[in-house]
Amino acid sequence: MLATQSHREGLVQKLVEDGFDMDDAIKQGIYISLDAAETLSTIMVNGEPDRLRFFEGLCGLIETAVKAAKTEHPRVAICGECVGLLCAEGNMNAAIRLEEVGNDLAQSNDVKIMCAYPLNRFREQESNTYQHICAEHTAVYSR
């Protein structure tokens, strides 16, 4: 989970309410929670995501989660707000680039990535940026 503190806390609370033993999941290393802004600060260079830094950081996390899993064929999912934070800052080019790099990571590591966006940031859903970001996803759901 790469999200803001409030969203990370809200997710854990919801999962606990739904009966998940989050303390055990965290202890086992199958649930990893990081601050999205802090994560971005480690992969950005001159306002753009650095592909090598991104891969090094997330591949290490993926490897940790896979090793911690107790199933023969573990599945890893990443839920993130990093691109959403870039959109909120108005750095749309970096947001699109991070989506592209994320797609490369997902394909090379058999990982599912779910993104969260502040859709109110897009003035019109027909905007080129909105269309480009949607095109980088296999599915788009909005409320």
C-alpha atoms as a PDB file:
ATOM      1  CA  MET A   1       0.000   0.000   0.000  1.00  0.00           C
ATOM      2  CA  LEU A   2       1.516   3.292  -1.113  1.00  0.00           C
ATOM      3  CA  ALA A   3      -0.871   5.962   0.112  1.00  0.00           C
ATOM      4  CA  THR A   4      -1.382   8.936   2.368  1.00  0.00           C
ATOM      5  CA  GLN A   5      -1.429   8.281   6.089  1.00  0.00           C
ATOM      6  CA  SER A   6      -5.169   8.825   6.398  1.00  0.00           C
ATOM      7  CA  HIS A   7      -5.933   6.389   3.581  1.00  0.00           C
ATOM      8  CA  ARG A   8      -3.528   3.770   4.959  1.00  0.00           C
ATOM      9  CA  GLU A   9      -5.095   4.048   8.420  1.00  0.00           C
ATOM     10  CA  GLY A  10      -8.613   3.931   6.972  1.00  0.00           C
ATOM     11  CA  LEU A  11      -7.838   0.800   4.970  1.00  0.00           C
ATOM     12  CA  VAL A  12      -6.360  -1.016   7.958  1.00  0.00           C
ATOM     13  CA  GLN A  13      -9.378  -0.044  10.066  1.00  0.00           C
ATOM     14  CA  LYS A  14     -11.776  -1.319   7.386  1.00  0.00           C
ATOM     15  CA  LEU A  15      -9.867  -4.600   6.976  1.00  0.00           C
ATOM     16  CA  VAL A  16      -9.827  -5.153  10.745  1.00  0.00           C
ATOM     17  CA  GLU A  17     -13.585  -4.477  10.858  1.00  0.00           C
ATOM     18  CA  ASP A  18     -13.992  -7.073   8.087  1.00  0.00           C
ATOM     19  CA  GLY A  19     -12.168  -9.659  10.201  1.00  0.00           C
ATOM     20  CA  PHE A  20      -8.630  -9.565   8.839  1.00  0.00           C
ATOM     21  CA  ASP A  21      -5.799  -9.977  11.332  1.00  0.00           C
ATOM     22  CA  MET A  22      -3.787  -6.975  10.178  1.00  0.00           C
ATOM     23  CA  ASP A  23      -1.266  -7.185  13.022  1.00  0.00           C
ATOM     24  CA  ASP A  24      -0.371 -10.690  11.845  1.00  0.00           C
ATOM     25  CA  ALA A  25      -0.301  -9.650   8.161  1.00  0.00           C
ATOM     26  CA  ILE A  26       2.081  -6.802   8.973  1.00  0.00           C
ATOM     27  CA  LYS A  27       4.205  -9.022  11.215  1.00  0.00           C
ATOM     28  CA  GLN A  28       4.439 -11.699   8.493  1.00  0.00           C
ATOM     29  CA  GLY A  29       5.359  -9.089   5.883  1.00  0.00           C
ATOM     30  CA  ILE A  30       2.447  -9.842   3.587  1.00  0.00           C
ATOM     31  CA  TYR A  31       0.986  -6.373   4.115  1.00  0.00           C
ATOM     32  CA  ILE A  32       3.426  -3.540   3.546  1.00  0.00           C
ATOM     33  CA  SER A  33       2.315   0.046   4.022  1.00  0.00           C
ATOM     34  CA  LEU A  34       4.358   3.056   2.894  1.00  0.00           C
ATOM     35  CA  ASP A  35       3.734   6.771   2.649  1.00  0.00           C
ATOM     36  CA  ALA A  36       3.140   7.736  -0.993  1.00  0.00           C
ATOM     37  CA  ALA A  37       4.839  11.141  -0.743  1.00  0.00           C
ATOM     38  CA  GLU A  38       7.917   9.653   0.933  1.00  0.00           C
ATOM     39  CA  THR A  39       8.070   6.925  -1.696  1.00  0.00           C
ATOM     40  CA  LEU A  40       7.841   9.507  -4.466  1.00  0.00           C
ATOM     41  CA  SER A  41      10.706  11.462  -2.927  1.00  0.00           C
ATOM     42  CA  THR A  42      12.942   8.401  -3.320  1.00  0.00           C
ATOM     43  CA  ILE A  43      12.180   7.815  -7.012  1.00  0.00           C
ATOM     44  CA  MET A  44      11.870  11.325  -8.447  1.00  0.00           C
ATOM     45  CA  VAL A  45      14.769  13.071 -10.184  1.00  0.00           C
ATOM     46  CA  ASN A  46      14.299  16.604 -11.531  1.00  0.00           C
ATOM     47  CA  GLY A  47      10.501  16.316 -11.303  1.00  0.00           C
ATOM     48  CA  GLU A  48      10.332  13.017 -13.194  1.00  0.00           C
ATOM     49  CA  PRO A  49      10.226   9.412 -11.983  1.00  0.00           C
ATOM     50  CA  ASP A  50      13.548   7.631 -12.341  1.00  0.00           C
ATOM     51  CA  ARG A  51      12.915   4.189 -13.828  1.00  0.00           C
ATOM     52  CA  LEU A  52      15.880   2.513 -12.090  1.00  0.00           C
ATOM     53  CA  ARG A  53      15.026   3.927  -8.659  1.00  0.00           C
ATOM     54  CA  PHE A  54      11.396   2.920  -9.131  1.00  0.00           C
ATOM     55  CA  PHE A  55      12.273  -0.648 -10.123  1.00  0.00           C
ATOM     56  CA  GLU A  56      14.884  -1.084  -7.400  1.00  0.00           C
ATOM     57  CA  GLY A  57      12.549   0.128  -4.673  1.00  0.00           C
ATOM     58  CA  LEU A  58       9.417  -1.708  -5.698  1.00  0.00           C
ATOM     59  CA  CYS A  59      11.097  -4.921  -6.859  1.00  0.00           C
ATOM     60  CA  GLY A  60      12.611  -5.197  -3.390  1.00  0.00           C
ATOM     61  CA  LEU A  61       9.171  -4.800  -1.808  1.00  0.00           C
ATOM     62  CA  ILE A  62       7.650  -7.319  -4.195  1.00  0.00           C
ATOM     63  CA  GLU A  63      10.391  -9.817  -3.388  1.00  0.00           C
ATOM     64  CA  THR A  64       9.829  -9.300   0.344  1.00  0.00           C
ATOM     65  CA  ALA A  65       6.083  -9.910  -0.009  1.00  0.00           C
ATOM     66  CA  VAL A  66       6.569 -12.998  -2.193  1.00  0.00           C
ATOM     67  CA  LYS A  67       9.028 -14.516   0.289  1.00  0.00           C
ATOM     68  CA  ALA A  68       6.650 -13.828   3.175  1.00  0.00           C
ATOM     69  CA  ALA A  69       3.691 -15.472   1.456  1.00  0.00           C
ATOM     70  CA  LYS A  70       2.894 -19.015   2.486  1.00  0.00           C
ATOM     71  CA  THR A  71       1.349 -20.134  -0.789  1.00  0.00           C
ATOM     72  CA  GLU A  72       2.980 -21.933  -3.679  1.00  0.00           C
ATOM     73  CA  HIS A  73       2.066 -19.252  -6.217  1.00  0.00           C
ATOM     74  CA  PRO A  74       1.747 -15.974  -4.298  1.00  0.00           C
ATOM     75  CA  ARG A  75       0.013 -13.005  -5.882  1.00  0.00           C
ATOM     76  CA  VAL A  76       1.123  -9.468  -5.189  1.00  0.00           C
ATOM     77  CA  ALA A  77      -1.058  -6.395  -5.547  1.00  0.00           C
ATOM     78  CA  ILE A  78       0.059  -2.809  -5.148  1.00  0.00           C
ATOM     79  CA  CYS A  79      -2.463  -0.123  -4.331  1.00  0.00           C
ATOM     80  CA  GLY A  80      -1.002   3.312  -4.760  1.00  0.00           C
ATOM     81  CA  GLU A  81      -1.651   7.012  -4.674  1.00  0.00           C
ATOM     82  CA  CYS A  82       1.728   8.139  -6.008  1.00  0.00           C
ATOM     83  CA  VAL A  83       0.376   9.040  -9.439  1.00  0.00           C
ATOM     84  CA  GLY A  84      -2.617  10.690  -7.819  1.00  0.00           C
ATOM     85  CA  LEU A  85      -0.292  12.881  -5.757  1.00  0.00           C
ATOM     86  CA  LEU A  86       1.574  13.912  -8.904  1.00  0.00           C
ATOM     87  CA  CYS A  87      -1.755  14.799 -10.537  1.00  0.00           C
ATOM     88  CA  ALA A  88      -2.800  16.805  -7.490  1.00  0.00           C
ATOM     89  CA  GLU A  89       0.481  18.727  -7.764  1.00  0.00           C
ATOM     90  CA  GLY A  90      -0.253  19.413 -11.440  1.00  0.00           C
ATOM     91  CA  ASN A  91       2.722  17.345 -12.618  1.00  0.00           C
ATOM     92  CA  MET A  92       0.754  15.479 -15.281  1.00  0.00           C
ATOM     93  CA  ASN A  93       3.754  14.532 -17.425  1.00  0.00           C
ATOM     94  CA  ALA A  94       5.403  12.806 -14.445  1.00  0.00           C
ATOM     95  CA  ALA A  95       2.085  11.123 -13.605  1.00  0.00           C
ATOM     96  CA  ILE A  96       1.814   9.664 -17.094  1.00  0.00           C
ATOM     97  CA  ARG A  97       5.466   8.598 -17.054  1.00  0.00           C
ATOM     98  CA  LEU A  98       5.004   6.883 -13.678  1.00  0.00           C
ATOM     99  CA  GLU A  99       1.981   5.027 -15.077  1.00  0.00           C
ATOM    100  CA  GLU A 100       4.106   3.800 -17.983  1.00  0.00           C
ATOM    101  CA  VAL A 101       6.921   2.668 -15.686  1.00  0.00           C
ATOM    102  CA  GLY A 102       4.378   1.023 -13.378  1.00  0.00           C
ATOM    103  CA  ASN A 103       2.962  -0.930 -16.316  1.00  0.00           C
ATOM    104  CA  ASP A 104       6.465  -2.176 -17.140  1.00  0.00           C
ATOM    105  CA  LEU A 105       6.916  -3.255 -13.508  1.00  0.00           C
ATOM    106  CA  ALA A 106       3.571  -5.065 -13.484  1.00  0.00           C
ATOM    107  CA  GLN A 107       4.372  -6.981 -16.654  1.00  0.00           C
ATOM    108  CA  SER A 108       7.890  -7.973 -15.640  1.00  0.00           C
ATOM    109  CA  ASN A 109       6.909  -9.037 -12.099  1.00  0.00           C
ATOM    110  CA  ASP A 110       3.380 -10.427 -12.522  1.00  0.00           C
ATOM    111  CA  VAL A 111       1.993  -7.803 -10.155  1.00  0.00           C
ATOM    112  CA  LYS A 112      -1.429  -6.173 -10.143  1.00  0.00           C
ATOM    113  CA  ILE A 113      -1.411  -2.418  -9.620  1.00  0.00           C
ATOM    114  CA  MET A 114      -4.456  -0.440  -8.526  1.00  0.00           C
ATOM    115  CA  CYS A 115      -4.283   3.337  -8.637  1.00  0.00           C
ATOM    116  CA  ALA A 116      -6.235   6.009  -6.817  1.00  0.00           C
ATOM    117  CA  TYR A 117      -6.743   9.446  -8.349  1.00  0.00           C
ATOM    118  CA  PRO A 118      -8.286  12.732  -7.319  1.00  0.00           C
ATOM    119  CA  LEU A 119     -10.594  12.936 -10.335  1.00  0.00           C
ATOM    120  CA  ASN A 120     -11.654  16.431  -9.373  1.00  0.00           C
ATOM    121  CA  ARG A 121      -8.160  17.453 -10.540  1.00  0.00           C
ATOM    122  CA  PHE A 122      -9.234  16.933 -14.144  1.00  0.00           C
ATOM    123  CA  ARG A 123     -11.261  19.871 -15.374  1.00  0.00           C
ATOM    124  CA  GLU A 124     -12.942  17.774 -18.040  1.00  0.00           C
ATOM    125  CA  GLN A 125     -13.024  14.027 -18.297  1.00  0.00           C
ATOM    126  CA  GLU A 126     -12.416  14.480 -22.020  1.00  0.00           C
ATOM    127  CA  SER A 127      -9.049  16.147 -21.404  1.00  0.00           C
ATOM    128  CA  ASN A 128      -6.017  14.670 -23.149  1.00  0.00           C
ATOM    129  CA  THR A 129      -4.301  13.968 -19.838  1.00  0.00           C
ATOM    130  CA  TYR A 130      -7.307  12.135 -18.426  1.00  0.00           C
ATOM    131  CA  GLN A 131      -7.610  10.072 -21.606  1.00  0.00           C
ATOM    132  CA  HIS A 132      -3.891   9.281 -21.596  1.00  0.00           C
ATOM    133  CA  ILE A 133      -3.953   8.151 -17.969  1.00  0.00           C
ATOM    134  CA  CYS A 134      -7.038   6.011 -18.570  1.00  0.00           C
ATOM    135  CA  ALA A 135      -5.328   4.441 -21.598  1.00  0.00           C
ATOM    136  CA  GLU A 136      -2.503   3.254 -19.336  1.00  0.00           C
ATOM    137  CA  HIS A 137      -4.957   1.117 -17.332  1.00  0.00           C
ATOM    138  CA  THR A 138      -6.655  -2.163 -18.145  1.00  0.00           C
ATOM    139  CA  ALA A 139      -9.802  -0.925 -16.405  1.00  0.00           C
ATOM    140  CA  VAL A 140     -11.032   2.395 -14.988  1.00  0.00           C
ATOM    141  CA  TYR A 141     -13.690   2.763 -12.295  1.00  0.00           C
ATOM    142  CA  SER A 142     -14.881   6.069 -10.910  1.00  0.00           C
ATOM    143  CA  ARG A 143     -17.427   7.223  -8.393  1.00  0.00           C
END
